[in-house]
Every structure is written in structure tokens, then in C-alpha cells.
C-alpha atoms as a PDB file:
ATOM      1  CA  MET A   1      90.696 117.968 123.409  1.00  0.00           C
ATOM      2  CA  GLU A   2      92.884 120.283 121.361  1.00  0.00           C
ATOM      3  CA  ARG A   3      91.355 122.437 118.629  1.00  0.00           C
ATOM      4  CA  ILE A   4      91.910 121.432 114.998  1.00  0.00           C
ATOM      5  CA  ARG A   5      94.696 123.533 113.558  1.00  0.00           C
ATOM      6  CA  LYS A   6      94.447 125.402 110.237  1.00  0.00           C
ATOM      7  CA  PRO A   7      94.448 122.819 107.370  1.00  0.00           C
ATOM      8  CA  ALA A   8      97.402 122.629 105.021  1.00  0.00           C
ATOM      9  CA  LEU A   9      96.453 122.145 101.349  1.00  0.00           C
ATOM     10  CA  THR A  10      98.644 120.001  99.152  1.00  0.00           C
ATOM     11  CA  GLY A  11      97.247 119.847  95.658  1.00  0.00           C
ATOM     12  CA  ALA A  12      93.850 118.133  95.992  1.00  0.00           C
ATOM     13  CA  PHE A  13      94.612 116.831  99.485  1.00  0.00           C
ATOM     14  CA  MET A  14      94.245 118.563 102.849  1.00  0.00           C
ATOM     15  CA  GLU A  15      96.074 117.788 106.078  1.00  0.00           C
ATOM     16  CA  LEU A  16      94.382 118.519 109.411  1.00  0.00           C
ATOM     17  CA  SER A  17      96.382 118.203 112.586  1.00  0.00           C
ATOM     18  CA  ILE A  18      93.858 116.925 115.100  1.00  0.00           C
ATOM     19  CA  SER A  19      96.288 116.639 117.994  1.00  0.00           C
ATOM     20  CA  ASP A  20     100.017 116.621 118.768  1.00  0.00           C
ATOM     21  CA  SER A  21     100.033 112.970 117.914  1.00  0.00           C
ATOM     22  CA  ALA A  22      97.848 112.565 114.824  1.00  0.00           C
ATOM     23  CA  THR A  23      97.194 114.115 111.441  1.00  0.00           C
ATOM     24  CA  VAL A  24      94.335 113.295 109.101  1.00  0.00           C
ATOM     25  CA  VAL A  25      94.972 113.511 105.356  1.00  0.00           C
ATOM     26  CA  VAL A  26      91.806 113.866 103.259  1.00  0.00           C
ATOM     27  CA  GLY A  27      91.199 114.128  99.559  1.00  0.00           C
ATOM     28  CA  PHE A  28      88.977 112.739  96.844  1.00  0.00           C
ATOM     29  CA  GLY A  29      87.571 109.935  98.927  1.00  0.00           C
ATOM     30  CA  ASP A  30      90.936 109.221 100.501  1.00  0.00           C
ATOM     31  CA  SER A  31      91.674 109.780 104.175  1.00  0.00           C
ATOM     32  CA  SER A  32      94.274 108.523 106.514  1.00  0.00           C
ATOM     33  CA  VAL A  33      95.640 109.108 110.004  1.00  0.00           C
ATOM     34  CA  ARG A  34      99.334 109.290 110.685  1.00  0.00           C
ATOM     35  CA  PRO A  35     101.537 110.444 113.549  1.00  0.00           C
ATOM     36  CA  SER A  36     102.353 114.191 113.700  1.00  0.00           C
ATOM     37  CA  ALA A  37     105.949 115.377 113.609  1.00  0.00           C
ATOM     38  CA  THR A  38     105.501 116.754 117.092  1.00  0.00           C
ATOM     39  CA  ASP A  39     104.736 113.310 118.557  1.00  0.00           C
ATOM     40  CA  SER A  40     108.052 112.462 120.271  1.00  0.00           C
ATOM     41  CA  SER A  41     107.523 108.748 119.851  1.00  0.00           C
ATOM     42  CA  HIS A  42     107.518 109.183 116.062  1.00  0.00           C
ATOM     43  CA  GLN A  43     110.083 111.991 115.533  1.00  0.00           C
ATOM     44  CA  THR A  44     112.842 111.524 113.025  1.00  0.00           C
ATOM     45  CA  SER A  45     115.652 113.831 111.934  1.00  0.00           C
ATOM     46  CA  LYS A  46     115.414 115.546 108.523  1.00  0.00           C
ATOM     47  CA  THR A  47     118.153 113.160 107.272  1.00  0.00           C
ATOM     48  CA  GLU A  48     116.190 110.088 108.465  1.00  0.00           C
ATOM     49  CA  GLU A  49     112.992 111.509 106.980  1.00  0.00           C
ATOM     50  CA  TRP A  50     114.623 111.840 103.559  1.00  0.00           C
ATOM     51  CA  MET A  51     116.188 108.406 103.762  1.00  0.00           C
ATOM     52  CA  THR A  52     113.121 106.427 104.899  1.00  0.00           C
ATOM     53  CA  ARG A  53     109.805 106.093 103.145  1.00  0.00           C
ATOM     54  CA  ARG A  54     106.511 105.969 105.034  1.00  0.00           C
ATOM     55  CA  ASN A  55     104.887 102.565 104.614  1.00  0.00           C
ATOM     56  CA  VAL A  56     101.301 102.953 103.470  1.00  0.00           C
ATOM     57  CA  VAL A  57      98.414 100.515 102.947  1.00  0.00           C
ATOM     58  CA  ILE A  58      95.588 101.690 100.689  1.00  0.00           C
ATOM     59  CA  ILE A  59      92.296 100.297 101.940  1.00  0.00           C
ATOM     60  CA  GLY A  60      89.938 100.192  99.034  1.00  0.00           C
ATOM     61  CA  ALA A  61      87.473  98.671  96.657  1.00  0.00           C
ATOM     62  CA  ALA A  62      89.405  98.069  93.402  1.00  0.00           C
ATOM     63  CA  GLY A  63      88.636 101.403  91.771  1.00  0.00           C
ATOM     64  CA  ARG A  64      88.916 104.430  94.013  1.00  0.00           C
ATOM     65  CA  ASP A  65      91.987 102.971  95.700  1.00  0.00           C
ATOM     66  CA  PHE A  66      93.816 102.558  92.345  1.00  0.00           C
ATOM     67  CA  HIS A  67      92.801 106.060  91.335  1.00  0.00           C
ATOM     68  CA  ASN A  68      94.070 107.541  94.569  1.00  0.00           C
ATOM     69  CA  PHE A  69      97.300 105.608  94.225  1.00  0.00           C
ATOM     70  CA  ASN A  70      97.860 106.937  90.733  1.00  0.00           C
ATOM     71  CA  THR A  71      97.033 110.549  91.603  1.00  0.00           C
ATOM     72  CA  ARG A  72      98.617 110.810  95.050  1.00  0.00           C
ATOM     73  CA  TYR A  73     101.141 108.070  95.783  1.00  0.00           C
ATOM     74  CA  ARG A  74     102.544 106.676  92.479  1.00  0.00           C
ATOM     75  CA  ASP A  75     105.451 109.109  92.099  1.00  0.00           C
ATOM     76  CA  ASP A  76     105.878 110.103  95.733  1.00  0.00           C
ATOM     77  CA  GLU A  77     109.387 108.962  96.753  1.00  0.00           C
ATOM     78  CA  SER A  78     108.623 109.598 100.457  1.00  0.00           C
ATOM     79  CA  VAL A  79     105.960 106.832 100.393  1.00  0.00           C
ATOM     80  CA  ASN A  80     106.154 103.060 100.004  1.00  0.00           C
ATOM     81  CA  VAL A  81     102.748 101.612  99.255  1.00  0.00           C
ATOM     82  CA  VAL A  82     102.998  98.151 100.855  1.00  0.00           C
ATOM     83  CA  ALA A  83      99.653  96.784  99.586  1.00  0.00           C
ATOM     84  CA  PHE A  84      96.088  97.417  98.563  1.00  0.00           C
ATOM     85  CA  THR A  85      93.301  95.654 100.441  1.00  0.00           C
ATOM     86  CA  ALA A  86      90.291  94.078  98.766  1.00  0.00           C
ATOM     87  CA  ALA A  87      86.885  93.670 100.278  1.00  0.00           C
ATOM     88  CA  GLN A  88      84.135  94.166  97.703  1.00  0.00           C
ATOM     89  CA  ILE A  89      85.251  92.281  94.641  1.00  0.00           C
ATOM     90  CA  PRO A  90      85.670  88.533  95.193  1.00  0.00           C
ATOM     91  CA  GLY A  91      88.805  86.768  94.023  1.00  0.00           C
ATOM     92  CA  ILE A  92      91.180  89.719  93.560  1.00  0.00           C
ATOM     93  CA  GLU A  93      93.221  89.137  96.698  1.00  0.00           C
ATOM     94  CA  ASP A  94      96.537  87.394  96.032  1.00  0.00           C
ATOM     95  CA  ARG A  95      96.900  89.312  92.805  1.00  0.00           C
ATOM     96  CA  ARG A  96      99.181  92.302  92.163  1.00  0.00           C
ATOM     97  CA  TYR A  97      98.589  95.791  90.856  1.00  0.00           C
ATOM     98  CA  PRO A  98     100.758  95.577  87.727  1.00  0.00           C
ATOM     99  CA  ALA A  99     104.234  97.114  87.712  1.00  0.00           C
ATOM    100  CA  GLU A 100     103.416  98.755  84.367  1.00  0.00           C
ATOM    101  CA  LEU A 101     100.717 100.794  86.028  1.00  0.00           C
ATOM    102  CA  ALA A 102     102.416 101.204  89.436  1.00  0.00           C
ATOM    103  CA  GLY A 103     105.433 103.015  87.972  1.00  0.00           C
ATOM    104  CA  PRO A 104     109.185 102.855  88.465  1.00  0.00           C
ATOM    105  CA  LEU A 105     109.068 102.959  92.266  1.00  0.00           C
ATOM    106  CA  TYR A 106     107.239  99.579  92.198  1.00  0.00           C
ATOM    107  CA  PRO A 107     109.060  97.343  89.717  1.00  0.00           C
ATOM    108  CA  ASP A 108     107.337  94.240  91.118  1.00  0.00           C
ATOM    109  CA  GLY A 109     103.886  95.812  91.272  1.00  0.00           C
ATOM    110  CA  ILE A 110     101.912  96.089  94.490  1.00  0.00           C
ATOM    111  CA  PRO A 111     100.199  93.145  96.275  1.00  0.00           C
ATOM    112  CA  ILE A 112      96.432  93.050  96.784  1.00  0.00           C
ATOM    113  CA  VAL A 113      95.502  91.356 100.016  1.00  0.00           C
ATOM    114  CA  ALA A 114      92.227  90.448 101.686  1.00  0.00           C
ATOM    115  CA  GLU A 115      91.032  93.200 104.008  1.00  0.00           C
ATOM    116  CA  ASP A 116      90.723  90.768 106.935  1.00  0.00           C
ATOM    117  CA  GLU A 117      94.555  90.484 106.783  1.00  0.00           C
ATOM    118  CA  LEU A 118      94.951  94.199 107.547  1.00  0.00           C
ATOM    119  CA  PRO A 119      95.910  93.862 111.274  1.00  0.00           C
ATOM    120  CA  SER A 120      98.780  91.435 110.506  1.00  0.00           C
ATOM    121  CA  LEU A 121      99.786  93.433 107.422  1.00  0.00           C
ATOM    122  CA  ILE A 122     100.144  96.574 109.544  1.00  0.00           C
ATOM    123  CA  THR A 123     102.351  94.793 112.082  1.00  0.00           C
ATOM    124  CA  ASP A 124     104.400  92.683 109.683  1.00  0.00           C
ATOM    125  CA  SER A 125     105.102  95.534 107.250  1.00  0.00           C
ATOM    126  CA  ASN A 126     105.629  98.278 109.857  1.00  0.00           C
ATOM    127  CA  VAL A 127     102.824 100.345 108.288  1.00  0.00           C
ATOM    128  CA  ASP A 128     102.825 104.050 109.188  1.00  0.00           C
ATOM    129  CA  GLU A 129      99.627 105.056 107.475  1.00  0.00           C
ATOM    130  CA  CYS A 130      96.389 103.502 106.134  1.00  0.00           C
ATOM    131  CA  ALA A 131      94.579 105.476 103.459  1.00  0.00           C
ATOM    132  CA  PHE A 132      90.837 104.831 103.268  1.00  0.00           C
ATOM    133  CA  SER A 133      89.946 104.891  99.579  1.00  0.00           C
ATOM    134  CA  TYR A 134      86.351 103.737  99.185  1.00  0.00           C
ATOM    135  CA  SER A 135      84.012 105.375  96.677  1.00  0.00           C
END
């Protein structure tokens, strides 16, 4: 196994390249794994990178996930948060995180789905990254 490369700090988040094909992003209870730029199966040109947004699902518990969205993803034009998942608070799936809180990149808000729908959500929405946001 390859050695972990020197971490890159971005604000309160840190990126660790754990191999040529995966990067872990960690910060304030949030972590995710996404393909590295050196993984040939996931490479895009700079133009494509600017034109496309990474699809992200925030896996959370109706608190930390919303906080991480607001502090990390809300105004990031390179990211499209597809959904939040819900596991700990009954009855919040099938609701939406309000557009008023989600900001101008999400005029319809963001859906909250049951966590057991995660596998189909990843496939159906072409999710690039899942951010674990449990307290």
C-alpha cells in the first residue's frame, strides 16, 4: 500500500491522498472519499472540471450534516449537493432542506431521503462523493 501523502489544508478541512485513486476529505465531523485526479478512470480536463459540479450526498443526522453543508458546501459552485440522508430522526425523510437556508445554488432546496435509499441514490444521481456528517 502506498504511503499517505502530505495533507492539504483548505480552511477547516484537510485532504489526504491515500492512493492514486482515492482522497479522503476530513473536517469537523465530516469525511468523505472521492477519486483522485490521478485516477485515469476519473480524469477530466480543466475545462470539464470548471463546467461540471461534483455530485455529493451528505450522510447525516439532521444537525451536523446541515452545519457541514452551511460551512463547507453551501456556496461552493464546484459541488452539487444531491441530498441529505436521514437515519436518526424519524419522519424527516421525504422533506426538503429549505431553499431559504440552502442558498442561491439550491433554489428548490435539497431533498432529505432515508439512509437505506443511499445505494440507489448514488447510482441514480451519479454521486461522486458521500460526506459522512454524524456528530
